[in-house]
Amino acid sequence: MATNRTFTMLKPDAVEKGHVGAILEKINASGFRIVALKLTQMTTADAQAFYAIHKERPFFGELVEYMTRGPIVAAVLEKDNAVEDFRTLIGATNPADAAEGTIRKLYAASIGENAVHGSDSDENAAIESAFHFSGREMF
């Protein structure tokens, strides 16, 4: 059964380039309600834990370095069919393949610096939200 919450992170490249406001506006305009939001910076240990699923992949070290190089904006979003709808809104991982008007098409520079993370399942949305927020931080 689909839940109505998903998790997103605006990645260091989006924060560095000043795209936070525009991305949050696009999220709101697409019918999502922000139920938790914070500007934070991941430590190396945080990034290694969050992306542990990729630890055997050749890009893991670069991913950890990238995700810890500057602040991120973590958020929990609410909407009917949240995970699927948000994945559609952000677009393909490679911005060159992303549909026109999607967040990655508008704000991502490359497959490696793709501006935003979106949970890929309801289960991961819950895990990722709990990684960044306590229950009392979500409204």
C-alpha atoms as a PDB file:
ATOM      1  CA  MET A   1       0.000   0.000   0.000  1.00  0.00           C
ATOM      2  CA  ALA A   2       1.377   3.415  -0.952  1.00  0.00           C
ATOM      3  CA  THR A   3       1.960   5.909   1.821  1.00  0.00           C
ATOM      4  CA  ASN A   4       1.580   9.627   1.551  1.00  0.00           C
ATOM      5  CA  ARG A   5       5.093  10.661   2.662  1.00  0.00           C
ATOM      6  CA  THR A   6       8.458  10.703   0.981  1.00  0.00           C
ATOM      7  CA  PHE A   7      11.936  11.973   1.794  1.00  0.00           C
ATOM      8  CA  THR A   8      14.102  14.338  -0.214  1.00  0.00           C
ATOM      9  CA  MET A   9      17.494  15.940   0.084  1.00  0.00           C
ATOM     10  CA  LEU A  10      18.573  18.995  -1.838  1.00  0.00           C
ATOM     11  CA  LYS A  11      22.184  18.056  -2.428  1.00  0.00           C
ATOM     12  CA  PRO A  12      25.287  20.214  -1.919  1.00  0.00           C
ATOM     13  CA  ASP A  13      25.395  21.375  -5.544  1.00  0.00           C
ATOM     14  CA  ALA A  14      21.823  22.703  -5.380  1.00  0.00           C
ATOM     15  CA  VAL A  15      22.545  24.506  -2.103  1.00  0.00           C
ATOM     16  CA  GLU A  16      25.865  25.933  -3.390  1.00  0.00           C
ATOM     17  CA  LYS A  17      24.204  27.292  -6.541  1.00  0.00           C
ATOM     18  CA  GLY A  18      21.383  28.960  -4.611  1.00  0.00           C
ATOM     19  CA  HIS A  19      18.576  26.775  -5.988  1.00  0.00           C
ATOM     20  CA  VAL A  20      16.969  25.911  -2.635  1.00  0.00           C
ATOM     21  CA  GLY A  21      14.140  28.449  -2.860  1.00  0.00           C
ATOM     22  CA  ALA A  22      13.269  27.630  -6.470  1.00  0.00           C
ATOM     23  CA  ILE A  23      13.274  23.875  -5.816  1.00  0.00           C
ATOM     24  CA  LEU A  24      11.126  24.216  -2.682  1.00  0.00           C
ATOM     25  CA  GLU A  25       8.721  26.440  -4.611  1.00  0.00           C
ATOM     26  CA  LYS A  26       8.448  23.800  -7.371  1.00  0.00           C
ATOM     27  CA  ILE A  27       7.799  21.125  -4.729  1.00  0.00           C
ATOM     28  CA  ASN A  28       5.030  23.217  -3.146  1.00  0.00           C
ATOM     29  CA  ALA A  29       3.527  24.115  -6.522  1.00  0.00           C
ATOM     30  CA  SER A  30       3.336  20.385  -7.310  1.00  0.00           C
ATOM     31  CA  GLY A  31       1.020  19.814  -4.361  1.00  0.00           C
ATOM     32  CA  PHE A  32       3.474  18.536  -1.762  1.00  0.00           C
ATOM     33  CA  ARG A  33       3.241  19.728   1.829  1.00  0.00           C
ATOM     34  CA  ILE A  34       6.532  20.046   3.706  1.00  0.00           C
ATOM     35  CA  VAL A  35       6.158  18.256   7.055  1.00  0.00           C
ATOM     36  CA  ALA A  36       9.830  18.518   8.112  1.00  0.00           C
ATOM     37  CA  LEU A  37      12.682  20.673   6.821  1.00  0.00           C
ATOM     38  CA  LYS A  38      16.241  21.429   7.880  1.00  0.00           C
ATOM     39  CA  LEU A  39      19.532  22.746   6.612  1.00  0.00           C
ATOM     40  CA  THR A  40      22.279  20.462   7.845  1.00  0.00           C
ATOM     41  CA  GLN A  41      25.621  19.007   6.865  1.00  0.00           C
ATOM     42  CA  MET A  42      26.307  15.301   6.671  1.00  0.00           C
ATOM     43  CA  THR A  43      29.458  13.958   8.275  1.00  0.00           C
ATOM     44  CA  THR A  44      31.485  11.288   6.518  1.00  0.00           C
ATOM     45  CA  ALA A  45      29.961   8.695   8.854  1.00  0.00           C
ATOM     46  CA  ASP A  46      26.456  10.019   8.083  1.00  0.00           C
ATOM     47  CA  ALA A  47      26.988   9.798   4.323  1.00  0.00           C
ATOM     48  CA  GLN A  48      28.547   6.341   4.564  1.00  0.00           C
ATOM     49  CA  ALA A  49      25.575   5.113   6.602  1.00  0.00           C
ATOM     50  CA  PHE A  50      22.931   6.793   4.447  1.00  0.00           C
ATOM     51  CA  TYR A  51      24.424   5.407   1.226  1.00  0.00           C
ATOM     52  CA  ALA A  52      25.541   2.041   2.685  1.00  0.00           C
ATOM     53  CA  ILE A  53      23.592   0.243  -0.048  1.00  0.00           C
ATOM     54  CA  HIS A  54      26.192   1.566  -2.512  1.00  0.00           C
ATOM     55  CA  LYS A  55      29.334   0.766  -0.452  1.00  0.00           C
ATOM     56  CA  GLU A  56      30.562  -1.873  -2.895  1.00  0.00           C
ATOM     57  CA  ARG A  57      30.027   0.335  -5.935  1.00  0.00           C
ATOM     58  CA  PRO A  58      33.054   2.041  -7.539  1.00  0.00           C
ATOM     59  CA  PHE A  59      31.547   5.518  -7.070  1.00  0.00           C
ATOM     60  CA  PHE A  60      30.943   5.169  -3.300  1.00  0.00           C
ATOM     61  CA  GLY A  61      33.975   7.217  -2.215  1.00  0.00           C
ATOM     62  CA  GLU A  62      33.140  10.035  -4.630  1.00  0.00           C
ATOM     63  CA  LEU A  63      29.505   9.977  -3.498  1.00  0.00           C
ATOM     64  CA  VAL A  64      30.475  10.305   0.168  1.00  0.00           C
ATOM     65  CA  GLU A  65      32.928  13.108  -0.635  1.00  0.00           C
ATOM     66  CA  TYR A  66      30.300  14.949  -2.677  1.00  0.00           C
ATOM     67  CA  MET A  67      27.554  14.609  -0.069  1.00  0.00           C
ATOM     68  CA  THR A  68      29.809  15.919   2.716  1.00  0.00           C
ATOM     69  CA  ARG A  69      31.354  18.867   0.872  1.00  0.00           C
ATOM     70  CA  GLY A  70      28.659  21.304   1.944  1.00  0.00           C
ATOM     71  CA  PRO A  71      25.232  21.687   3.487  1.00  0.00           C
ATOM     72  CA  ILE A  72      22.142  19.842   2.335  1.00  0.00           C
ATOM     73  CA  VAL A  73      18.461  20.531   2.860  1.00  0.00           C
ATOM     74  CA  ALA A  74      16.621  17.485   4.175  1.00  0.00           C
ATOM     75  CA  ALA A  75      12.835  17.362   3.964  1.00  0.00           C
ATOM     76  CA  VAL A  76       9.873  15.083   4.450  1.00  0.00           C
ATOM     77  CA  LEU A  77       7.060  15.703   2.002  1.00  0.00           C
ATOM     78  CA  GLU A  78       3.413  14.705   2.109  1.00  0.00           C
ATOM     79  CA  LYS A  79       0.972  14.124  -0.727  1.00  0.00           C
ATOM     80  CA  ASP A  80      -1.168  11.253  -1.986  1.00  0.00           C
ATOM     81  CA  ASN A  81       1.112   8.841  -3.877  1.00  0.00           C
ATOM     82  CA  ALA A  82       4.100  10.832  -2.588  1.00  0.00           C
ATOM     83  CA  VAL A  83       6.996   8.551  -3.572  1.00  0.00           C
ATOM     84  CA  GLU A  84       5.913   7.971  -7.174  1.00  0.00           C
ATOM     85  CA  ASP A  85       4.781  11.548  -7.748  1.00  0.00           C
ATOM     86  CA  PHE A  86       8.019  12.957  -6.348  1.00  0.00           C
ATOM     87  CA  ARG A  87      10.149  10.624  -8.473  1.00  0.00           C
ATOM     88  CA  THR A  88       8.263  11.956 -11.509  1.00  0.00           C
ATOM     89  CA  LEU A  89       8.807  15.556 -10.373  1.00  0.00           C
ATOM     90  CA  ILE A  90      12.576  15.157  -9.921  1.00  0.00           C
ATOM     91  CA  GLY A  91      13.164  13.347 -13.216  1.00  0.00           C
ATOM     92  CA  ALA A  92      15.786  10.867 -14.347  1.00  0.00           C
ATOM     93  CA  THR A  93      19.061  10.557 -12.412  1.00  0.00           C
ATOM     94  CA  ASN A  94      20.919  11.790 -15.477  1.00  0.00           C
ATOM     95  CA  PRO A  95      19.649  15.318 -16.153  1.00  0.00           C
ATOM     96  CA  ALA A  96      20.303  14.836 -19.868  1.00  0.00           C
ATOM     97  CA  ASP A  97      17.615  12.129 -19.810  1.00  0.00           C
ATOM     98  CA  ALA A  98      15.227  13.991 -17.492  1.00  0.00           C
ATOM     99  CA  ALA A  99      11.910  15.256 -18.819  1.00  0.00           C
ATOM    100  CA  GLU A 100      11.493  18.958 -19.472  1.00  0.00           C
ATOM    101  CA  GLY A 101      10.366  20.883 -16.404  1.00  0.00           C
ATOM    102  CA  THR A 102      11.627  18.326 -13.887  1.00  0.00           C
ATOM    103  CA  ILE A 103      13.864  19.440 -11.032  1.00  0.00           C
ATOM    104  CA  ARG A 104      16.910  17.624 -12.388  1.00  0.00           C
ATOM    105  CA  LYS A 105      16.396  18.983 -15.913  1.00  0.00           C
ATOM    106  CA  LEU A 106      16.211  22.502 -14.490  1.00  0.00           C
ATOM    107  CA  TYR A 107      18.856  22.394 -11.739  1.00  0.00           C
ATOM    108  CA  ALA A 108      21.194  19.390 -12.077  1.00  0.00           C
ATOM    109  CA  ALA A 109      24.601  19.644 -13.737  1.00  0.00           C
ATOM    110  CA  SER A 110      25.396  15.959 -14.261  1.00  0.00           C
ATOM    111  CA  ILE A 111      24.569  12.413 -13.228  1.00  0.00           C
ATOM    112  CA  GLY A 112      26.996  12.843 -10.316  1.00  0.00           C
ATOM    113  CA  GLU A 113      25.742  16.270  -9.260  1.00  0.00           C
ATOM    114  CA  ASN A 114      22.050  15.807  -9.792  1.00  0.00           C
ATOM    115  CA  ALA A 115      20.695  18.385  -7.337  1.00  0.00           C
ATOM    116  CA  VAL A 116      18.172  16.278  -5.442  1.00  0.00           C
ATOM    117  CA  HIS A 117      17.550  12.882  -3.875  1.00  0.00           C
ATOM    118  CA  GLY A 118      14.122  11.279  -3.763  1.00  0.00           C
ATOM    119  CA  SER A 119      13.198   8.059  -1.975  1.00  0.00           C
ATOM    120  CA  ASP A 120      12.606   5.151  -4.334  1.00  0.00           C
ATOM    121  CA  SER A 121      10.036   3.274  -2.232  1.00  0.00           C
ATOM    122  CA  ASP A 122       7.660   3.788   0.676  1.00  0.00           C
ATOM    123  CA  GLU A 123       9.915   1.635   2.861  1.00  0.00           C
ATOM    124  CA  ASN A 124      13.020   3.691   2.025  1.00  0.00           C
ATOM    125  CA  ALA A 125      11.087   6.928   2.495  1.00  0.00           C
ATOM    126  CA  ALA A 126      10.346   5.919   6.095  1.00  0.00           C
ATOM    127  CA  ILE A 127      13.946   4.789   6.725  1.00  0.00           C
ATOM    128  CA  GLU A 128      15.472   7.908   5.166  1.00  0.00           C
ATOM    129  CA  SER A 129      13.062  10.249   6.967  1.00  0.00           C
ATOM    130  CA  ALA A 130      13.901   8.624  10.315  1.00  0.00           C
ATOM    131  CA  PHE A 131      17.628   8.927   9.506  1.00  0.00           C
ATOM    132  CA  HIS A 132      17.357  12.719   9.343  1.00  0.00           C
ATOM    133  CA  PHE A 133      14.384  13.535  11.594  1.00  0.00           C
ATOM    134  CA  SER A 134      13.007  12.439  14.926  1.00  0.00           C
ATOM    135  CA  GLY A 135       9.265  11.842  15.109  1.00  0.00           C
ATOM    136  CA  ARG A 136       8.766  15.115  16.990  1.00  0.00           C
ATOM    137  CA  GLU A 137      10.325  17.040  14.075  1.00  0.00           C
ATOM    138  CA  MET A 138       7.678  15.929  11.577  1.00  0.00           C
ATOM    139  CA  PHE A 139       4.357  17.733  11.548  1.00  0.00           C
END
